[in-house]
Amino acid sequence: VGEPSIYQLLMMRDNDFSNIFKIKSDFDPVMLKNEENIKGYASFIKMTTDEEGLLPFDKSGVAKIVEYGVRESRSQKKISSRFPEIADVVREASYWAESDGKKIVGAEHIRRSIEERIKRVNMTEDKIMERIKDGVLMIDTEGSVVGQVNGLAVYSLGEHSFGAPSKITAVTSLGRGGIISIEREAKLSGNIYDKGVLILTGYLRGKYAQDIPLSLSASLTFEQSYYGVDGDSASSTEVYAIISALTKTPLRQDIAITGSVNQKGRVQPIGGVNEKIEGFFDVCQDRGLTGTQGVMIPDTNIDDLMLKDDVVEAVKEGKFHIYNVSTIDDGIEILTGITAGELSKDGKYPEGTINYLVIEKLTEIHKRLKELGKSDKKEKDNEKDNNNEKDEKEGE
């Protein structure tokens, strides 16, 4: 029994391996969440408690274990088949029920078991949240700011993964430098992140540079990030920051965003959606929920949602919100409160819309660069003429 990568390595490097191990069987870490497999979970719990002399589980306890298995599978349609991990939760839940003087394990004991397991390994998460709380890591959860947006990152520590917000900023100016990623220039980015930046540049060209060149210089960065970044889940977030900086339109800081973007402006699914939502929720809850805060996710991630109880309750009560979007235009409308605007038959966007403002600004930059180019050429021509006159006088 071993990891697929080890099997493939041995197959390539050891000629005798395929002769010794003739049959390979793949074990999927997840399986379909159907009635048969849910009953199988209940049977597994019963078998474990009987064999190890643990306390029996009631219906709420079994349901909570099933819920935990679905969350671990990262999809509402699947359930984890990592039964050793499930058995560990069963054993610890039995311990907490016995500690409380109960003779049966319920949902509250499963919840306690999961919380205690996380508490033992989440020191890094606590430190990051403490730095956000103290203002060392500067994250805004209220108001609106130009060229600034809250992205969401997942930190994976092997036995524990958690999400936390990260401030992303963009600055635009006259020039033809294109999109400059400070992370990439500083060699703090991975290949997938770099690809995401190139894709968002392609989106901006396809969307706005059909009649005029994409003449601008823009820099992007993850503020207060010094240890590297990878993945493309922030590429849609970076598009919003660039559009905001270019049009001087403020973006809501009470919404955090995740989602990659393709060259057609479609927001694509990402991993770790539950951890990302919960990370921003924890920051907002610590500061006090205002009722307007929330997270924006790709609509294709809806089936992956298996959130903690406190997040679910806050959403039910309207204290926290989850927005699902399918395109960049959908997202920019939520963040700015301004209509994105659709291209008309004559190839123009309606006046006052976000897309109209982008075209207007790019046109203005293009004209300004042409004027500056003519001015520079005139100065160079004058300088050349003066030098020629000087040479002629010296010749005489």
Protein backbone atom coordinates (compact mmCIF):
# COMPACT_ATOMS: atom_id res chain seq x y z
CA VAL A 1 0.00 0.00 0.00
CA GLY A 2 1.48 3.36 -0.99
CA GLU A 3 1.06 6.69 -2.74
CA PRO A 4 0.47 6.69 -6.54
CA SER A 5 3.60 8.81 -7.06
CA ILE A 6 5.78 6.14 -5.39
CA TYR A 7 4.18 3.40 -7.51
CA GLN A 8 4.84 5.35 -10.73
CA LEU A 9 8.41 6.07 -9.69
CA LEU A 10 9.12 2.38 -8.99
CA MET A 11 7.50 1.36 -12.27
CA MET A 12 9.83 3.69 -14.18
CA ARG A 13 13.03 3.03 -12.20
CA ASP A 14 12.83 -0.63 -11.20
CA ASN A 15 12.57 -3.16 -14.03
CA ASP A 16 11.58 -5.99 -11.65
CA PHE A 17 8.77 -4.05 -9.96
CA SER A 18 6.14 -4.79 -12.61
CA ASN A 19 7.04 -8.50 -12.53
CA ILE A 20 6.70 -8.73 -8.74
CA PHE A 21 3.57 -6.57 -8.39
CA LYS A 22 1.40 -7.60 -11.31
CA ILE A 23 -1.94 -6.18 -10.19
CA LYS A 24 -2.58 -2.56 -9.30
CA SER A 25 -5.73 -1.42 -7.51
CA ASP A 26 -6.57 2.29 -7.08
CA PHE A 27 -8.34 3.30 -3.87
CA ASP A 28 -10.32 6.51 -4.25
CA PRO A 29 -10.18 8.69 -1.09
CA VAL A 30 -13.80 9.69 -1.77
CA MET A 31 -16.99 7.87 -2.81
CA LEU A 32 -20.48 8.90 -3.85
CA LYS A 33 -22.75 10.20 -1.12
CA ASN A 34 -25.71 7.91 -1.59
CA GLU A 35 -28.02 5.96 0.70
CA GLU A 36 -25.92 2.81 0.47
CA ASN A 37 -22.68 4.52 1.50
CA ILE A 38 -24.36 6.51 4.28
CA LYS A 39 -25.69 3.22 5.69
CA GLY A 40 -22.16 1.91 5.31
CA TYR A 41 -20.93 4.79 7.49
CA ALA A 42 -23.46 3.89 10.18
CA SER A 43 -22.38 0.25 10.01
CA PHE A 44 -18.71 1.25 10.29
CA ILE A 45 -19.45 3.34 13.38
CA LYS A 46 -21.35 0.41 14.94
CA MET A 47 -18.52 -2.02 14.13
CA THR A 48 -15.87 0.32 15.59
CA THR A 49 -17.77 0.95 18.82
CA ASP A 50 -18.52 -2.76 19.30
CA GLU A 51 -14.97 -3.94 18.61
CA GLU A 52 -13.32 -1.32 20.81
CA GLY A 53 -15.88 -1.13 23.59
CA LEU A 54 -16.82 2.50 22.87
CA LEU A 55 -20.08 4.23 23.72
CA PRO A 56 -22.91 3.80 21.19
CA PHE A 57 -23.94 6.67 18.88
CA ASP A 58 -27.41 8.17 18.53
CA LYS A 59 -28.84 9.43 15.22
CA SER A 60 -27.44 12.94 15.66
CA GLY A 61 -23.98 11.51 16.29
CA VAL A 62 -24.08 9.36 13.16
CA ALA A 63 -25.40 12.30 11.12
CA LYS A 64 -22.57 14.53 12.36
CA ILE A 65 -19.97 11.92 11.39
CA VAL A 66 -21.52 11.70 7.92
CA GLU A 67 -21.42 15.49 7.68
CA TYR A 68 -17.74 15.44 8.66
CA GLY A 69 -17.04 12.82 5.97
CA VAL A 70 -18.76 14.97 3.33
CA ARG A 71 -16.75 18.05 4.33
CA GLU A 72 -13.51 16.07 4.14
CA SER A 73 -14.39 14.97 0.59
CA ARG A 74 -14.60 18.66 -0.53
CA SER A 75 -17.94 18.08 -2.29
CA GLN A 76 -21.58 17.81 -1.24
CA LYS A 77 -21.96 14.91 -3.68
CA LYS A 78 -19.12 12.83 -2.22
CA ILE A 79 -18.09 11.39 1.14
CA SER A 80 -14.64 10.54 2.45
CA SER A 81 -13.47 6.93 2.32
CA ARG A 82 -10.51 7.55 4.64
CA PHE A 83 -11.92 5.33 7.36
CA PRO A 84 -8.88 5.42 9.70
CA GLU A 85 -9.48 9.19 10.12
CA ILE A 86 -13.21 8.62 10.66
CA ALA A 87 -12.43 5.99 13.29
CA ASP A 88 -10.18 8.46 15.14
CA VAL A 89 -13.05 10.95 15.35
CA VAL A 90 -15.37 8.17 16.59
CA ARG A 91 -12.92 7.20 19.35
CA GLU A 92 -12.34 10.76 20.51
CA ALA A 93 -16.07 11.56 20.48
CA SER A 94 -16.69 8.54 22.69
CA TYR A 95 -14.05 9.83 25.09
CA TRP A 96 -15.67 13.27 25.35
CA ALA A 97 -19.13 11.75 25.87
CA GLU A 98 -17.75 9.56 28.65
CA SER A 99 -16.00 12.60 30.19
CA ASP A 100 -19.37 14.39 30.27
CA GLY A 101 -20.92 11.40 32.08
CA LYS A 102 -23.05 10.43 29.07
CA LYS A 103 -23.87 6.90 28.04
CA ILE A 104 -24.45 7.72 24.40
CA VAL A 105 -22.54 9.84 21.84
CA GLY A 106 -24.40 12.75 20.25
CA ALA A 107 -23.67 15.50 17.72
CA GLU A 108 -22.19 17.79 20.39
CA HIS A 109 -19.50 15.22 21.18
CA ILE A 110 -18.55 14.85 17.50
CA ARG A 111 -18.31 18.63 17.29
CA ARG A 112 -16.11 18.71 20.39
CA SER A 113 -13.89 15.99 18.96
CA ILE A 114 -13.36 17.88 15.69
CA GLU A 115 -12.71 21.17 17.50
CA GLU A 116 -10.15 19.58 19.83
CA ARG A 117 -8.36 17.91 16.92
CA ILE A 118 -8.03 21.27 15.19
CA LYS A 119 -7.00 23.07 18.37
CA ARG A 120 -4.00 20.77 18.79
CA VAL A 121 -2.50 21.71 15.41
CA ASN A 122 -3.70 25.24 14.59
CA MET A 123 -1.05 27.37 16.29
CA THR A 124 -0.03 28.96 12.97
CA GLU A 125 -3.64 29.90 12.26
CA ASP A 126 -3.97 31.45 15.72
CA LYS A 127 -0.80 33.49 15.18
CA ILE A 128 -2.01 34.86 11.84
CA MET A 129 -5.44 35.74 13.25
CA GLU A 130 -3.75 37.39 16.23
CA ARG A 131 -1.64 39.55 13.90
CA ILE A 132 -4.77 40.58 11.98
CA LYS A 133 -6.56 41.39 15.24
CA ASP A 134 -3.62 43.52 16.44
CA GLY A 135 -3.44 45.38 13.13
CA VAL A 136 0.00 44.05 12.24
CA LEU A 137 -1.51 42.41 9.16
CA MET A 138 -3.69 45.20 7.78
CA ILE A 139 -7.07 43.91 6.58
CA ASP A 140 -10.08 46.18 6.05
CA THR A 141 -13.54 44.72 6.59
CA GLU A 142 -15.58 47.92 6.18
CA GLY A 143 -15.77 50.86 3.78
CA SER A 144 -14.61 51.17 0.14
CA VAL A 145 -11.13 51.79 -1.29
CA VAL A 146 -9.82 52.39 -4.83
CA GLY A 147 -7.47 49.73 -6.20
CA GLN A 148 -7.64 47.53 -3.11
CA VAL A 149 -9.48 44.27 -2.48
CA ASN A 150 -9.47 41.36 -0.04
CA GLY A 151 -8.26 38.12 -1.57
CA LEU A 152 -8.46 34.74 0.15
CA ALA A 153 -5.65 32.24 0.60
CA VAL A 154 -5.48 28.71 2.00
CA TYR A 155 -2.57 27.64 4.17
CA SER A 156 -1.96 23.88 4.14
CA LEU A 157 0.06 22.46 7.02
CA GLY A 158 -0.37 18.77 6.30
CA GLU A 159 -2.75 17.78 9.09
CA HIS A 160 -4.58 21.12 9.04
CA SER A 161 -5.68 23.64 6.41
CA PHE A 162 -7.17 27.05 7.06
CA GLY A 163 -8.06 30.20 5.18
CA ALA A 164 -7.15 33.83 5.80
CA PRO A 165 -7.72 37.10 3.93
CA SER A 166 -4.89 38.88 2.15
CA LYS A 167 -4.85 42.48 0.93
CA ILE A 168 -4.27 42.81 -2.82
CA THR A 169 -3.57 46.23 -4.34
CA ALA A 170 -3.18 47.59 -7.86
CA VAL A 171 -1.67 50.84 -9.11
CA THR A 172 -2.07 52.07 -12.72
CA SER A 173 -0.29 54.82 -14.61
CA LEU A 174 0.57 56.17 -18.05
CA GLY A 175 2.84 53.84 -19.94
CA ARG A 176 3.05 50.74 -22.06
CA GLY A 177 4.54 48.40 -19.45
CA GLY A 178 1.45 46.19 -19.25
CA ILE A 179 0.58 44.22 -16.10
CA ILE A 180 3.53 43.87 -13.76
CA SER A 181 3.29 41.35 -10.93
CA ILE A 182 5.56 42.42 -8.09
CA GLU A 183 5.53 38.84 -6.77
CA ARG A 184 6.79 37.55 -10.10
CA GLU A 185 9.45 40.25 -10.42
CA ALA A 186 10.65 39.50 -6.88
CA LYS A 187 10.69 35.74 -7.65
CA LEU A 188 8.13 35.07 -4.92
CA SER A 189 5.55 33.47 -7.19
CA GLY A 190 4.97 29.99 -8.57
CA ASN A 191 4.32 28.94 -12.17
CA ILE A 192 0.56 28.63 -11.74
CA TYR A 193 0.31 32.13 -10.27
CA ASP A 194 2.38 33.54 -13.14
CA LYS A 195 0.08 31.81 -15.63
CA GLY A 196 -2.92 33.40 -13.89
CA VAL A 197 -1.43 36.89 -14.33
CA LEU A 198 -0.84 36.23 -18.04
CA ILE A 199 -4.43 34.96 -18.42
CA LEU A 200 -5.92 38.04 -16.77
CA THR A 201 -3.82 40.19 -19.13
CA GLY A 202 -5.34 38.24 -22.03
CA TYR A 203 -8.82 38.88 -20.64
CA LEU A 204 -8.21 42.64 -20.45
CA ARG A 205 -6.91 42.68 -24.03
CA GLY A 206 -9.87 40.70 -25.34
CA LYS A 207 -12.40 42.79 -23.42
CA TYR A 208 -11.10 46.33 -23.86
CA ALA A 209 -8.38 46.45 -26.55
CA GLN A 210 -10.27 45.68 -29.75
CA ASP A 211 -10.29 49.25 -31.09
CA ILE A 212 -7.45 50.79 -29.06
CA PRO A 213 -4.21 49.34 -27.67
CA LEU A 214 -4.09 48.24 -24.04
CA SER A 215 -1.82 51.19 -23.24
CA LEU A 216 -1.20 51.28 -19.51
CA SER A 217 1.23 50.24 -16.84
CA ALA A 218 -0.18 48.46 -13.82
CA SER A 219 1.48 46.81 -10.82
CA LEU A 220 -0.12 44.11 -8.67
CA THR A 221 0.96 42.81 -5.30
CA PHE A 222 -0.10 40.84 -2.24
CA GLU A 223 0.62 43.33 0.53
CA GLN A 224 2.68 42.08 3.50
CA SER A 225 3.41 38.77 1.77
CA TYR A 226 7.05 37.74 2.00
CA TYR A 227 7.07 33.95 1.71
CA GLY A 228 5.83 33.32 -1.81
CA VAL A 229 2.47 32.76 -3.45
CA ASP A 230 1.17 30.21 -5.95
CA GLY A 231 -2.11 29.19 -7.53
CA ASP A 232 -4.43 31.22 -9.75
CA SER A 233 -7.38 31.57 -7.38
CA ALA A 234 -6.70 35.31 -6.95
CA SER A 235 -6.67 36.17 -10.66
CA SER A 236 -10.28 37.40 -10.69
CA THR A 237 -9.53 39.42 -7.56
CA GLU A 238 -6.61 41.08 -9.32
CA VAL A 239 -8.81 41.99 -12.30
CA TYR A 240 -11.19 43.83 -9.97
CA ALA A 241 -8.28 45.71 -8.38
CA ILE A 242 -6.92 46.80 -11.79
CA ILE A 243 -10.34 47.97 -13.04
CA SER A 244 -10.86 49.89 -9.81
CA ALA A 245 -7.45 51.57 -9.97
CA LEU A 246 -7.91 52.44 -13.64
CA THR A 247 -11.39 53.97 -13.29
CA LYS A 248 -10.86 55.35 -9.74
CA THR A 249 -13.96 53.41 -8.62
CA PRO A 250 -13.88 52.27 -4.97
CA LEU A 251 -14.35 48.58 -4.14
CA ARG A 252 -16.17 47.24 -1.08
CA GLN A 253 -13.80 46.06 1.63
CA ASP A 254 -16.48 44.11 3.51
CA ILE A 255 -16.40 41.43 0.80
CA ALA A 256 -13.52 39.01 0.28
CA ILE A 257 -13.08 37.33 -3.10
CA THR A 258 -11.79 34.08 -4.55
CA GLY A 259 -11.91 32.60 -8.04
CA SER A 260 -9.68 32.23 -11.05
CA VAL A 261 -10.53 33.83 -14.38
CA ASN A 262 -10.16 32.63 -17.95
CA GLN A 263 -9.48 34.76 -21.02
CA LYS A 264 -13.22 35.04 -21.72
CA GLY A 265 -13.97 36.56 -18.30
CA ARG A 266 -15.54 33.42 -16.82
CA VAL A 267 -14.89 32.95 -13.10
CA GLN A 268 -13.62 29.40 -12.56
CA PRO A 269 -13.80 27.06 -9.53
CA ILE A 270 -11.05 26.95 -6.92
CA GLY A 271 -10.01 24.68 -4.06
CA GLY A 272 -10.41 25.21 -0.33
CA VAL A 273 -13.61 27.23 -0.65
CA ASN A 274 -14.88 26.30 2.83
CA GLU A 275 -11.62 27.25 4.56
CA LYS A 276 -11.47 30.55 2.65
CA ILE A 277 -15.00 31.56 3.61
CA GLU A 278 -14.46 30.58 7.25
CA GLY A 279 -11.15 32.47 7.40
CA PHE A 280 -12.76 35.78 6.43
CA PHE A 281 -15.81 35.07 8.59
CA ASP A 282 -13.60 34.57 11.65
CA VAL A 283 -11.93 37.97 11.07
CA CYS A 284 -15.30 39.71 10.64
CA GLN A 285 -16.84 37.95 13.65
CA ASP A 286 -13.90 38.94 15.82
CA ARG A 287 -14.44 42.61 14.86
CA GLY A 288 -18.21 42.35 15.04
CA LEU A 289 -20.49 41.33 12.17
CA THR A 290 -22.05 44.37 10.47
CA GLY A 291 -24.64 42.50 8.41
CA THR A 292 -23.06 43.56 5.09
CA GLN A 293 -19.93 41.42 5.14
CA GLY A 294 -19.49 38.33 3.03
CA VAL A 295 -17.47 36.36 0.52
CA MET A 296 -17.70 36.16 -3.27
CA ILE A 297 -17.12 32.70 -4.78
CA PRO A 298 -17.47 31.12 -8.24
CA ASP A 299 -20.94 29.72 -8.85
CA THR A 300 -19.32 26.39 -9.76
CA ASN A 301 -18.14 26.03 -6.14
CA ILE A 302 -21.65 26.02 -4.66
CA ASP A 303 -21.77 22.21 -4.51
CA ASP A 304 -18.54 22.22 -2.48
CA LEU A 305 -19.95 24.21 0.44
CA MET A 306 -19.89 22.40 3.80
CA LEU A 307 -19.42 25.25 6.25
CA LYS A 308 -19.05 25.35 10.02
CA ASP A 309 -22.22 25.70 12.08
CA ASP A 310 -21.52 29.30 13.16
CA VAL A 311 -21.08 30.42 9.53
CA VAL A 312 -24.31 28.67 8.47
CA GLU A 313 -26.23 30.33 11.30
CA ALA A 314 -24.82 33.77 10.46
CA VAL A 315 -25.86 33.37 6.81
CA LYS A 316 -29.36 32.23 7.83
CA GLU A 317 -29.72 35.29 10.06
CA GLY A 318 -28.50 37.67 7.34
CA LYS A 319 -25.39 38.67 9.28
CA PHE A 320 -23.00 37.25 6.69
CA HIS A 321 -23.43 36.70 2.96
CA ILE A 322 -22.11 34.38 0.28
CA TYR A 323 -22.28 35.74 -3.26
CA ASN A 324 -21.84 33.38 -6.21
CA VAL A 325 -20.77 34.87 -9.54
CA SER A 326 -20.13 33.43 -12.98
CA THR A 327 -18.34 36.33 -14.72
CA ILE A 328 -16.11 39.29 -13.94
CA ASP A 329 -19.00 41.59 -14.84
CA ASP A 330 -21.17 39.93 -12.17
CA GLY A 331 -18.48 40.47 -9.56
CA ILE A 332 -17.64 44.07 -10.39
CA GLU A 333 -21.31 45.04 -10.02
CA ILE A 334 -21.43 43.60 -6.48
CA LEU A 335 -18.16 45.27 -5.47
CA THR A 336 -18.95 48.72 -6.89
CA GLY A 337 -22.74 48.93 -7.00
CA ILE A 338 -22.42 50.13 -10.62
CA THR A 339 -23.73 48.27 -13.67
CA ALA A 340 -20.97 46.56 -15.65
CA GLY A 341 -22.58 47.27 -19.02
CA GLU A 342 -23.02 45.09 -22.11
CA LEU A 343 -21.56 45.82 -25.52
CA SER A 344 -24.18 47.23 -27.89
CA LYS A 345 -24.54 46.45 -31.58
CA ASP A 346 -22.50 49.53 -32.49
CA GLY A 347 -19.60 48.23 -30.40
CA LYS A 348 -19.98 50.62 -27.45
CA TYR A 349 -20.80 50.26 -23.76
CA PRO A 350 -23.62 52.31 -22.18
CA GLU A 351 -22.42 55.59 -20.69
CA GLY A 352 -21.77 55.52 -16.95
CA THR A 353 -21.18 51.77 -16.74
CA ILE A 354 -17.93 50.28 -15.45
CA ASN A 355 -16.90 48.95 -18.86
CA TYR A 356 -17.59 52.36 -20.40
CA LEU A 357 -15.35 54.02 -17.81
CA VAL A 358 -12.55 51.54 -18.58
CA ILE A 359 -12.73 52.25 -22.33
CA GLU A 360 -12.81 56.00 -21.69
CA LYS A 361 -9.74 55.83 -19.46
CA LEU A 362 -7.77 53.63 -21.85
CA THR A 363 -8.65 55.97 -24.73
CA GLU A 364 -7.51 58.94 -22.66
CA ILE A 365 -4.21 57.23 -21.81
CA HIS A 366 -3.66 56.29 -25.46
CA LYS A 367 -4.21 59.90 -26.63
CA ARG A 368 -1.97 61.26 -23.90
CA LEU A 369 0.83 58.85 -24.83
CA LYS A 370 0.53 59.87 -28.50
CA GLU A 371 0.75 63.55 -27.54
CA LEU A 372 3.76 62.88 -25.35
CA GLY A 373 5.32 60.87 -28.18
CA LYS A 374 4.85 63.76 -30.62
CA SER A 375 6.25 66.20 -28.07
CA ASP A 376 9.30 64.00 -27.49
CA LYS A 377 9.84 63.65 -31.25
CA LYS A 378 9.60 67.41 -31.70
CA GLU A 379 12.14 68.02 -28.94
CA LYS A 380 14.50 65.45 -30.45
CA ASP A 381 14.11 67.03 -33.94
CA ASN A 382 14.82 70.50 -32.52
CA GLU A 383 17.83 69.15 -30.66
CA LYS A 384 19.06 67.50 -33.85
CA ASP A 385 18.62 70.74 -35.85
CA ASN A 386 20.50 72.73 -33.20
CA ASN A 387 23.35 70.23 -33.29
CA ASN A 388 23.49 70.42 -37.10
CA GLU A 389 23.63 74.22 -36.97
CA LYS A 390 26.38 74.06 -34.41
CA ASP A 391 28.37 71.62 -36.56
CA GLU A 392 27.96 73.90 -39.61
CA LYS A 393 29.23 76.94 -37.69
CA GLU A 394 32.20 75.00 -36.38
CA GLY A 395 32.91 73.85 -39.95
CA GLU A 396 32.92 77.44 -41.21
